[in-house]
């Protein structure tokens, strides 16, 4: 298992949390946050020509897709494509062929700081091979699965028109309900992800039952009921798939 690769994938996924509640293009501040997180993550690795090329390519990727988003091209598909490009780049630069490695001096310094703060010990445990993979799965089901789910629902043409989060005609009440549904979906997938990882499959039924109870009165509206049902099942499948993938890796 390539710890360096999974560590940097987590850094990229963490930087992309800036998209979590933003359907339109990022602001300058948001784009800067994305670049800073990725740059700080790269500081954990040995500096060199390959390091500089990787940093430049990640920067170019972010700027290019940001420019495309500002041209009103459907952004959820773009964001997933941007992530795919980044993962391919990381897979090449952290492969044995190029082999970017951790900077040992950074970890020696962290060990010294660890004498004064337990947070460093916690960070070291998060960077362990198995933990990085589990964390990667959690980031995937929380943010990236949301982009894929919205893209699939739009492609299937399921649900009310207000499901398009970047709809300029959406009222404040509609947008609030849309964001609430997004939070519910994130929590739902995280719980299912943890349940599959820990072999607590019965917990999935409880999550679905609670969600069905909360939406019970709204199920009389057939288009809305179909939207919730298809969205819930797709969300369930994505969370289970990521959990099974993570289990196979660890």
Protein backbone atom coordinates (compact mmCIF):
# COMPACT_ATOMS: atom_id res chain seq x y z
CA UNK A 1 0.00 0.00 0.00
CA UNK A 2 1.44 3.37 -1.07
CA UNK A 3 1.02 5.54 2.03
CA UNK A 4 2.32 8.64 0.27
CA UNK A 5 -0.30 8.33 -2.47
CA UNK A 6 -3.26 7.90 -0.09
CA UNK A 7 -1.99 10.70 2.14
CA UNK A 8 -1.92 13.14 -0.77
CA UNK A 9 -5.29 11.93 -2.07
CA UNK A 10 -6.72 12.83 1.35
CA UNK A 11 -5.10 16.26 1.14
CA UNK A 12 -6.73 16.85 -2.26
CA UNK A 13 -10.11 15.59 -1.00
CA UNK A 14 -9.85 17.79 2.10
CA UNK A 15 -9.07 20.85 -0.04
CA UNK A 16 -12.18 20.11 -2.13
CA UNK A 17 -14.44 20.39 0.92
CA UNK A 18 -14.62 24.05 -0.07
CA UNK A 19 -17.16 22.87 -2.68
CA UNK A 20 -19.38 21.23 -0.05
CA UNK A 21 -22.07 23.91 0.10
CA UNK A 22 -21.21 25.84 -3.03
CA UNK A 23 -22.87 24.94 -6.32
CA UNK A 24 -21.55 27.88 -8.33
CA UNK A 25 -17.92 28.70 -9.17
CA UNK A 26 -15.55 29.27 -6.27
CA UNK A 27 -14.75 32.76 -5.09
CA UNK A 28 -11.13 33.93 -5.15
CA UNK A 29 -10.93 33.17 -1.43
CA UNK A 30 -12.27 29.65 -1.94
CA UNK A 31 -9.85 28.95 -4.77
CA UNK A 32 -6.99 30.26 -2.65
CA UNK A 33 -8.03 27.97 0.22
CA UNK A 34 -7.99 24.97 -2.15
CA UNK A 35 -4.47 25.79 -3.36
CA UNK A 36 -3.10 26.51 0.13
CA UNK A 37 -4.33 23.18 1.54
CA UNK A 38 -2.77 21.25 -1.34
CA UNK A 39 0.50 23.22 -1.08
CA UNK A 40 0.74 22.59 2.68
CA UNK A 41 0.10 18.89 2.11
CA UNK A 42 2.89 18.73 -0.46
CA UNK A 43 5.33 20.17 2.08
CA UNK A 44 5.31 16.76 3.78
CA UNK A 45 7.24 15.37 0.79
CA UNK A 46 10.82 15.60 -0.41
CA UNK A 47 11.35 18.72 -2.50
CA UNK A 48 12.72 18.30 -6.00
CA UNK A 49 11.99 18.66 -9.70
CA UNK A 50 9.19 16.04 -9.61
CA UNK A 51 7.68 17.80 -6.59
CA UNK A 52 7.70 21.15 -8.39
CA UNK A 53 6.16 19.66 -11.56
CA UNK A 54 3.39 17.98 -9.55
CA UNK A 55 2.60 21.19 -7.69
CA UNK A 56 2.49 23.10 -10.97
CA UNK A 57 0.16 20.55 -12.57
CA UNK A 58 -2.20 20.59 -9.57
CA UNK A 59 -2.26 24.37 -9.71
CA UNK A 60 -2.90 24.35 -13.45
CA UNK A 61 -5.68 21.78 -13.02
CA UNK A 62 -7.43 23.90 -10.43
CA UNK A 63 -7.19 27.10 -12.49
CA UNK A 64 -8.31 25.41 -15.71
CA UNK A 65 -11.42 23.80 -14.23
CA UNK A 66 -12.25 26.97 -12.30
CA UNK A 67 -12.20 28.89 -15.57
CA UNK A 68 -14.47 26.31 -17.20
CA UNK A 69 -16.92 26.54 -14.30
CA UNK A 70 -17.15 30.30 -14.75
CA UNK A 71 -18.29 29.66 -18.32
CA UNK A 72 -21.44 28.02 -16.92
CA UNK A 73 -20.47 24.51 -17.98
CA UNK A 74 -22.29 21.98 -15.67
CA UNK A 75 -19.98 22.12 -12.66
CA UNK A 76 -20.71 18.82 -10.92
CA UNK A 77 -19.41 16.85 -13.87
CA UNK A 78 -16.44 19.21 -14.13
CA UNK A 79 -15.59 18.81 -10.47
CA UNK A 80 -15.59 15.04 -10.73
CA UNK A 81 -13.45 15.23 -13.87
CA UNK A 82 -11.05 17.57 -12.08
CA UNK A 83 -10.74 15.07 -9.22
CA UNK A 84 -10.13 12.22 -11.66
CA UNK A 85 -7.31 14.19 -13.30
CA UNK A 86 -5.74 14.92 -9.91
CA UNK A 87 -5.89 11.27 -8.83
CA UNK A 88 -4.27 10.18 -12.11
CA UNK A 89 -1.50 12.74 -11.59
CA UNK A 90 -0.91 11.54 -8.03
CA UNK A 91 -0.88 7.90 -9.14
CA UNK A 92 1.90 8.71 -11.61
CA UNK A 93 4.07 10.90 -9.38
CA UNK A 94 3.81 8.56 -6.37
CA UNK A 95 4.42 5.42 -8.44
CA UNK A 96 7.78 3.57 -8.30
CA UNK A 97 8.60 5.18 -11.66
CA UNK A 98 8.90 8.71 -10.18
CA UNK A 99 8.54 7.86 -6.52
CA UNK A 100 8.00 11.09 -4.59
CA UNK A 101 8.56 10.20 -0.93
CA UNK A 102 7.91 11.73 2.47
CA UNK A 103 10.44 14.25 3.76
CA UNK A 104 12.02 12.47 6.73
CA UNK A 105 13.14 15.78 8.24
CA UNK A 106 9.51 16.87 8.58
CA UNK A 107 8.64 13.75 10.58
CA UNK A 108 11.74 14.13 12.76
CA UNK A 109 10.64 17.68 13.55
CA UNK A 110 7.11 16.48 14.29
CA UNK A 111 8.47 13.85 16.66
CA UNK A 112 10.24 16.62 18.58
CA UNK A 113 7.10 18.72 18.74
CA UNK A 114 5.18 15.64 19.90
CA UNK A 115 6.88 15.94 23.27
CA UNK A 116 4.82 19.08 23.89
CA UNK A 117 1.49 18.27 22.21
CA UNK A 118 -0.56 15.07 21.90
CA UNK A 119 -2.07 16.46 18.70
CA UNK A 120 1.10 15.47 16.86
CA UNK A 121 0.64 11.87 18.01
CA UNK A 122 -2.93 11.99 16.75
CA UNK A 123 -1.73 13.31 13.39
CA UNK A 124 0.84 10.51 13.14
CA UNK A 125 -1.89 7.91 13.72
CA UNK A 126 -4.08 9.51 11.05
CA UNK A 127 -1.17 9.16 8.61
CA UNK A 128 -0.91 5.39 9.14
CA UNK A 129 -1.68 3.30 6.01
CA UNK A 130 -5.00 1.79 7.13
CA UNK A 131 -6.25 5.03 8.65
CA UNK A 132 -5.52 7.07 5.53
CA UNK A 133 -7.61 4.69 3.43
CA UNK A 134 -10.54 4.82 5.88
CA UNK A 135 -10.33 8.61 5.96
CA UNK A 136 -10.24 8.70 2.17
CA UNK A 137 -13.49 6.72 2.06
CA UNK A 138 -15.12 9.10 4.53
CA UNK A 139 -14.16 12.12 2.42
CA UNK A 140 -15.42 10.41 -0.73
CA UNK A 141 -18.87 9.61 0.68
CA UNK A 142 -19.29 13.03 2.28
CA UNK A 143 -18.38 15.39 -0.55
CA UNK A 144 -17.51 13.64 -3.81
CA UNK A 145 -20.44 11.22 -3.65
CA UNK A 146 -22.71 14.25 -3.37
CA UNK A 147 -21.42 15.61 -6.71
CA UNK A 148 -21.86 12.22 -8.36
CA UNK A 149 -25.34 11.78 -6.89
CA UNK A 150 -26.54 15.17 -8.14
CA UNK A 151 -25.07 14.43 -11.56
CA UNK A 152 -26.84 11.06 -11.75
CA UNK A 153 -30.18 12.52 -10.65
CA UNK A 154 -29.88 15.27 -13.25
CA UNK A 155 -29.02 12.71 -15.92
CA UNK A 156 -31.98 10.54 -14.94
CA UNK A 157 -34.23 13.63 -14.90
CA UNK A 158 -35.64 12.60 -11.56
CA UNK A 159 -37.14 15.02 -9.09
CA UNK A 160 -38.46 18.56 -8.97
CA UNK A 161 -36.87 21.36 -10.97
CA UNK A 162 -35.77 22.96 -7.74
CA UNK A 163 -33.28 20.13 -7.31
CA UNK A 164 -30.82 22.15 -9.37
CA UNK A 165 -28.89 23.87 -6.61
CA UNK A 166 -27.44 26.53 -8.91
CA UNK A 167 -30.89 27.58 -10.16
CA UNK A 168 -30.89 31.42 -9.99
CA UNK A 169 -34.69 31.46 -9.58
CA UNK A 170 -34.61 29.33 -6.43
CA UNK A 171 -36.18 31.10 -3.45
CA UNK A 172 -34.50 31.36 -0.06
CA UNK A 173 -36.87 28.70 1.32
CA UNK A 174 -36.12 26.33 -1.57
CA UNK A 175 -32.37 26.84 -1.17
CA UNK A 176 -32.60 26.23 2.58
CA UNK A 177 -34.51 22.97 1.98
CA UNK A 178 -32.02 21.98 -0.72
CA UNK A 179 -29.05 22.52 1.63
CA UNK A 180 -30.84 20.69 4.45
CA UNK A 181 -31.39 17.72 2.15
CA UNK A 182 -27.71 17.81 1.23
CA UNK A 183 -26.67 17.68 4.90
CA UNK A 184 -29.08 14.80 5.55
CA UNK A 185 -27.62 12.92 2.58
CA UNK A 186 -24.06 13.45 3.81
CA UNK A 187 -24.89 12.20 7.31
CA UNK A 188 -26.82 9.27 5.84
CA UNK A 189 -23.87 8.15 3.70
CA UNK A 190 -21.36 8.54 6.52
CA UNK A 191 -23.48 6.40 8.86
CA UNK A 192 -23.95 3.74 6.18
CA UNK A 193 -20.22 3.85 5.37
CA UNK A 194 -19.29 3.29 9.02
CA UNK A 195 -21.97 0.60 9.40
CA UNK A 196 -20.58 -1.42 6.47
CA UNK A 197 -16.99 -1.00 7.66
CA UNK A 198 -17.91 -2.25 11.14
CA UNK A 199 -20.26 -4.99 9.85
CA UNK A 200 -23.28 -3.38 11.53
CA UNK A 201 -25.58 -3.85 8.54
CA UNK A 202 -28.74 -3.58 10.64
CA UNK A 203 -27.94 0.10 11.22
CA UNK A 204 -28.63 0.77 7.53
CA UNK A 205 -32.27 -0.24 7.98
CA UNK A 206 -32.56 2.12 10.93
CA UNK A 207 -31.21 5.04 8.90
CA UNK A 208 -33.64 4.39 6.05
CA UNK A 209 -36.55 4.01 8.47
CA UNK A 210 -35.79 7.33 10.19
CA UNK A 211 -35.51 9.11 6.85
CA UNK A 212 -38.79 7.57 5.63
CA UNK A 213 -40.54 8.64 8.83
CA UNK A 214 -39.29 12.21 8.51
CA UNK A 215 -40.55 12.43 4.91
CA UNK A 216 -43.77 10.47 5.47
CA UNK A 217 -46.26 13.31 4.88
CA UNK A 218 -44.43 14.48 1.76
CA UNK A 219 -44.62 11.07 0.09
CA UNK A 220 -48.16 11.84 -1.19
CA UNK A 221 -46.47 13.96 -3.86
CA UNK A 222 -45.47 11.27 -6.38
CA UNK A 223 -42.67 13.17 -8.22
CA UNK A 224 -41.14 14.13 -4.87
CA UNK A 225 -41.51 10.56 -3.55
CA UNK A 226 -39.76 9.19 -6.63
CA UNK A 227 -36.98 11.77 -6.23
CA UNK A 228 -36.43 10.84 -2.57
CA UNK A 229 -36.57 7.09 -3.27
CA UNK A 230 -34.15 7.15 -6.21
CA UNK A 231 -31.83 9.59 -4.43
CA UNK A 232 -31.81 7.51 -1.25
CA UNK A 233 -31.10 4.25 -3.08
CA UNK A 234 -28.31 5.83 -5.16
CA UNK A 235 -26.85 7.37 -2.01
CA UNK A 236 -27.00 3.98 -0.29
CA UNK A 237 -25.29 2.24 -3.21
CA UNK A 238 -22.49 4.82 -3.36
CA UNK A 239 -21.79 4.59 0.38
CA UNK A 240 -21.81 0.77 0.32
CA UNK A 241 -19.56 0.67 -2.76
CA UNK A 242 -16.98 3.01 -1.18
CA UNK A 243 -17.07 1.05 2.10
CA UNK A 244 -16.51 -2.27 0.30
CA UNK A 245 -13.68 -0.72 -1.71
CA UNK A 246 -12.02 0.53 1.48
CA UNK A 247 -12.42 -2.86 3.14
CA UNK A 248 -10.73 -4.51 0.18
CA UNK A 249 -7.80 -2.09 0.45
CA UNK A 250 -7.22 -2.56 4.17
